[in-house]
Protein backbone atom coordinates (compact mmCIF):
# COMPACT_ATOMS: atom_id res chain seq x y z
CA MET A 1 0.24 -0.11 -0.02
CA LYS A 2 2.67 2.35 0.94
CA LEU A 3 4.85 1.53 -2.21
CA LEU A 4 1.12 2.56 -4.17
CA LEU A 5 0.88 5.34 -2.73
CA LYS A 6 4.69 6.37 -3.64
CA GLN A 7 4.81 5.71 -6.99
CA SER A 8 1.40 7.23 -7.46
CA LEU A 9 2.56 10.39 -5.77
CA ARG A 10 5.95 10.93 -7.17
CA PRO A 11 4.65 11.31 -10.37
CA ALA A 12 1.74 14.00 -8.99
CA VAL A 13 4.29 15.86 -7.78
CA VAL A 14 6.82 16.31 -10.01
CA LEU A 15 4.18 17.48 -12.73
CA PHE A 16 3.22 19.80 -10.12
CA ILE A 17 6.60 21.23 -9.89
CA LEU A 18 7.20 21.35 -13.60
CA LEU A 19 4.11 23.03 -14.17
CA SER A 20 4.65 25.39 -11.89
CA ILE A 21 8.01 26.46 -13.47
CA ILE A 22 6.38 26.57 -16.83
CA THR A 23 3.21 28.65 -15.96
CA GLY A 24 4.14 30.53 -12.98
CA ILE A 25 7.97 31.55 -14.27
CA ALA A 26 8.72 30.40 -18.06
CA TYR A 27 5.47 31.55 -19.92
CA PRO A 28 5.26 35.05 -18.19
CA LEU A 29 8.65 35.68 -18.47
CA ALA A 30 8.64 35.29 -22.03
CA THR A 31 5.46 36.80 -22.50
CA THR A 32 6.93 39.92 -20.36
CA VAL A 33 10.30 39.70 -22.17
CA LEU A 34 8.55 39.72 -25.75
CA GLY A 35 5.81 42.00 -25.12
CA LYS A 36 9.00 44.68 -24.23
CA TRP A 37 10.62 43.77 -27.29
CA LEU A 38 7.85 43.38 -29.74
CA LEU A 39 5.78 46.31 -28.57
CA PRO A 40 7.46 48.38 -25.96
CA GLN A 41 5.05 50.98 -25.44
CA GLN A 42 2.26 48.99 -24.46
CA ALA A 43 4.36 46.85 -22.80
CA ASN A 44 5.08 49.70 -20.33
CA GLY A 45 1.26 51.05 -20.08
CA SER A 46 1.05 53.19 -23.36
CA LEU A 47 2.06 55.77 -20.67
CA ILE A 48 2.22 59.70 -22.39
CA GLU A 49 5.36 61.96 -21.40
CA SER A 50 6.06 65.65 -22.16
CA GLU A 51 9.54 67.23 -21.85
CA GLY A 52 10.36 64.03 -19.90
CA LYS A 53 7.75 64.66 -17.12
CA LEU A 54 4.93 61.62 -17.27
CA ILE A 55 1.14 62.96 -18.50
CA GLY A 56 -0.48 59.98 -18.33
CA SER A 57 -1.52 56.89 -20.04
CA SER A 58 -3.18 56.47 -23.18
CA LEU A 59 -5.01 53.48 -21.65
CA ILE A 60 -6.74 55.69 -18.79
CA GLY A 61 -9.08 58.99 -18.69
CA GLN A 62 -8.38 61.82 -16.73
CA ASN A 63 -10.87 63.95 -15.31
CA PHE A 64 -10.45 67.51 -16.58
CA THR A 65 -12.93 69.83 -15.17
CA GLU A 66 -11.53 73.39 -16.64
CA ALA A 67 -13.91 74.74 -19.31
CA LYS A 68 -10.78 75.85 -21.25
CA TYR A 69 -9.93 71.87 -21.72
CA PHE A 70 -12.00 68.93 -23.40
CA TRP A 71 -14.11 66.28 -20.97
CA GLY A 72 -13.94 63.11 -20.84
CA ARG A 73 -16.80 60.51 -20.12
CA PRO A 74 -18.35 60.49 -16.60
CA SER A 75 -16.54 57.87 -14.54
CA ALA A 76 -18.41 56.06 -11.69
CA THR A 77 -15.21 54.72 -9.87
CA GLY A 78 -14.21 55.58 -5.78
CA PRO A 79 -13.52 57.19 -4.30
CA TYR A 80 -12.15 59.53 -6.94
CA PRO A 81 -13.28 59.93 -11.02
CA ASN A 82 -10.69 57.47 -13.12
CA ASN A 83 -9.17 55.97 -10.10
CA ALA A 84 -7.00 53.07 -12.21
CA THR A 85 -7.23 50.91 -9.25
CA ALA A 86 -11.05 50.60 -8.99
CA SER A 87 -12.29 50.21 -12.55
CA SER A 88 -16.08 49.59 -11.94
CA GLY A 89 -19.26 51.14 -13.56
CA SER A 90 -22.29 52.58 -11.89
CA ASN A 91 -24.46 49.48 -12.24
CA GLN A 92 -26.93 51.27 -12.62
CA GLY A 93 -30.02 50.12 -15.38
CA PRO A 94 -32.01 52.35 -18.05
CA LEU A 95 -34.44 52.31 -15.80
CA ASN A 96 -32.99 53.42 -12.64
CA PRO A 97 -34.09 56.49 -11.38
CA ALA A 98 -30.46 57.43 -9.54
CA LEU A 99 -29.43 56.95 -13.77
CA ALA A 100 -32.11 59.74 -14.74
CA ASP A 101 -31.16 61.91 -12.34
CA ALA A 102 -27.25 61.90 -12.67
CA VAL A 103 -27.55 62.33 -16.89
CA LYS A 104 -30.14 65.22 -16.31
CA SER A 105 -27.56 66.66 -14.18
CA ARG A 106 -24.78 66.52 -16.34
CA VAL A 107 -26.58 67.87 -19.36
CA SER A 108 -27.51 70.66 -17.31
CA ALA A 109 -23.45 71.32 -16.32
CA LEU A 110 -22.76 70.89 -19.97
CA LYS A 111 -25.62 73.76 -21.16
CA ALA A 112 -24.14 75.43 -18.13
CA ALA A 113 -20.64 75.80 -19.51
CA ASN A 114 -22.27 76.69 -23.49
CA PRO A 115 -25.80 78.02 -23.36
CA ASN A 116 -25.14 79.02 -26.68
CA ASN A 117 -24.20 75.45 -27.72
CA ALA A 118 -27.92 74.06 -29.91
CA LEU A 119 -26.05 70.81 -30.07
CA PRO A 120 -27.52 67.77 -29.12
CA VAL A 121 -25.39 66.43 -26.08
CA PRO A 122 -23.71 62.98 -27.25
CA VAL A 123 -24.85 60.59 -25.01
CA ASP A 124 -21.11 59.13 -23.80
CA LEU A 125 -20.75 62.64 -22.40
CA VAL A 126 -23.58 61.62 -19.71
CA THR A 127 -23.04 58.38 -19.40
CA ALA A 128 -19.86 56.11 -17.77
CA SER A 129 -18.26 53.42 -19.31
CA ALA A 130 -18.37 50.12 -17.82
CA SER A 131 -14.84 50.32 -16.54
CA GLY A 132 -15.32 53.42 -15.67
CA LEU A 133 -11.65 54.75 -17.29
CA ASP A 134 -12.48 55.08 -20.79
CA PRO A 135 -9.66 57.35 -22.02
CA HIS A 136 -12.12 57.96 -25.50
CA ILE A 137 -14.74 60.20 -26.06
CA SER A 138 -16.64 59.87 -29.85
CA PRO A 139 -15.84 62.46 -32.61
CA ALA A 140 -19.70 64.26 -31.72
CA ALA A 141 -18.57 64.67 -28.32
CA ALA A 142 -15.57 66.21 -29.20
CA ALA A 143 -17.16 68.61 -31.51
CA TYR A 144 -19.61 69.54 -29.06
CA GLN A 145 -17.49 71.04 -26.80
CA ALA A 146 -15.49 72.58 -29.85
CA SER A 147 -17.33 76.14 -29.46
CA ARG A 148 -16.29 76.25 -25.38
CA VAL A 149 -12.76 75.43 -25.99
CA ALA A 150 -12.42 77.71 -28.61
CA LYS A 151 -13.64 80.59 -26.80
CA GLU A 152 -11.93 80.00 -23.57
CA ARG A 153 -9.07 79.42 -25.61
CA GLY A 154 -9.33 82.58 -27.70
CA LEU A 155 -8.80 80.05 -30.72
CA SER A 156 -11.68 79.78 -34.16
CA VAL A 157 -14.15 76.94 -33.92
CA THR A 158 -12.41 75.90 -37.47
CA SER A 159 -9.10 75.20 -35.65
CA VAL A 160 -10.34 73.58 -32.78
CA GLN A 161 -11.89 71.39 -35.19
CA ALA A 162 -8.85 70.53 -36.87
CA LEU A 163 -7.39 69.40 -33.99
CA ILE A 164 -10.30 67.20 -33.09
CA ASP A 165 -9.74 65.57 -36.99
CA ASP A 166 -5.90 65.53 -36.11
CA ASN A 167 -6.44 63.32 -33.07
CA THR A 168 -9.50 60.99 -34.35
CA GLU A 169 -8.73 57.46 -34.28
CA GLY A 170 -10.50 55.57 -36.82
CA ARG A 171 -11.54 51.38 -36.37
CA GLN A 172 -9.07 49.06 -35.23
CA TRP A 173 -7.83 47.97 -38.52
CA GLY A 174 -10.39 49.57 -40.51
CA VAL A 175 -13.81 47.43 -39.12
CA LEU A 176 -13.72 46.86 -35.57
CA GLY A 177 -15.31 49.58 -33.17
CA GLU A 178 -16.00 53.02 -34.15
CA PRO A 179 -14.14 56.18 -34.75
CA ARG A 180 -12.87 57.89 -31.48
CA VAL A 181 -10.65 60.57 -29.95
CA ASN A 182 -8.44 60.55 -26.65
CA VAL A 183 -9.38 63.03 -24.55
CA LEU A 184 -5.59 63.37 -22.78
CA LYS A 185 -3.54 63.86 -26.31
CA LEU A 186 -6.26 65.93 -27.65
CA ASN A 187 -5.97 68.37 -24.82
CA MET A 188 -1.77 67.80 -24.83
CA ALA A 189 -2.27 69.08 -28.87
CA LEU A 190 -4.44 71.89 -27.50
CA ASP A 191 -1.53 73.29 -25.29
CA LYS A 192 1.20 72.57 -27.61
CA ASN A 193 -0.71 74.42 -29.97
CA ALA A 194 -1.29 77.34 -27.38
CA ALA A 195 2.75 77.23 -26.41
CA LYS A 196 3.71 77.72 -30.33
CA LYS A 197 1.12 81.23 -30.45
CA SER A 198 2.89 82.20 -27.70
CA ASP A 199 6.39 81.96 -28.96
CA LYS A 200 5.05 83.29 -32.10
CA SER A 201 3.74 86.72 -29.99
CA SER A 202 7.20 86.70 -27.87
CA VAL A 203 9.39 87.17 -30.97
């Protein structure tokens, strides 16, 4: 009996150790090395830097609130918006009164920030994504905010719309998803444009 138990236990232990080495050490190490070699930007979190300073990640939204910036989607993460350590949605269904109240409040805030805007409010500006970390808005959501941003920055709506067009990403591989605008990258382009104007005026 002891011999039978020893004979059956030994292969199980050896297999456990072998699989632990393969799946716990070799595979993660190989994927990490290959990832950093083939896709270094993505493997390191798609981080964005400006003048040597870390600004954020193109994969995680930021809570822009100033009128001179484009605003992203609402975030339901806690205890603060766009908390990358607590990805979550609101878990509120379309018939939930709390969701209806939140949408009405967000629509009112958008209209108060730009009362002369007669465009319909795009749905992604008043509803949170499932992750609460969505870094993108639709081109329509960006266009809705163009007049406000243009006014705050002393720019023409046409020039702001041109920046939106330059920062609009198409469908992945031409077929997957919808066109979208990365809010952080767009706001960085705005600041870069403002810096260029400042440099020209100081010459």
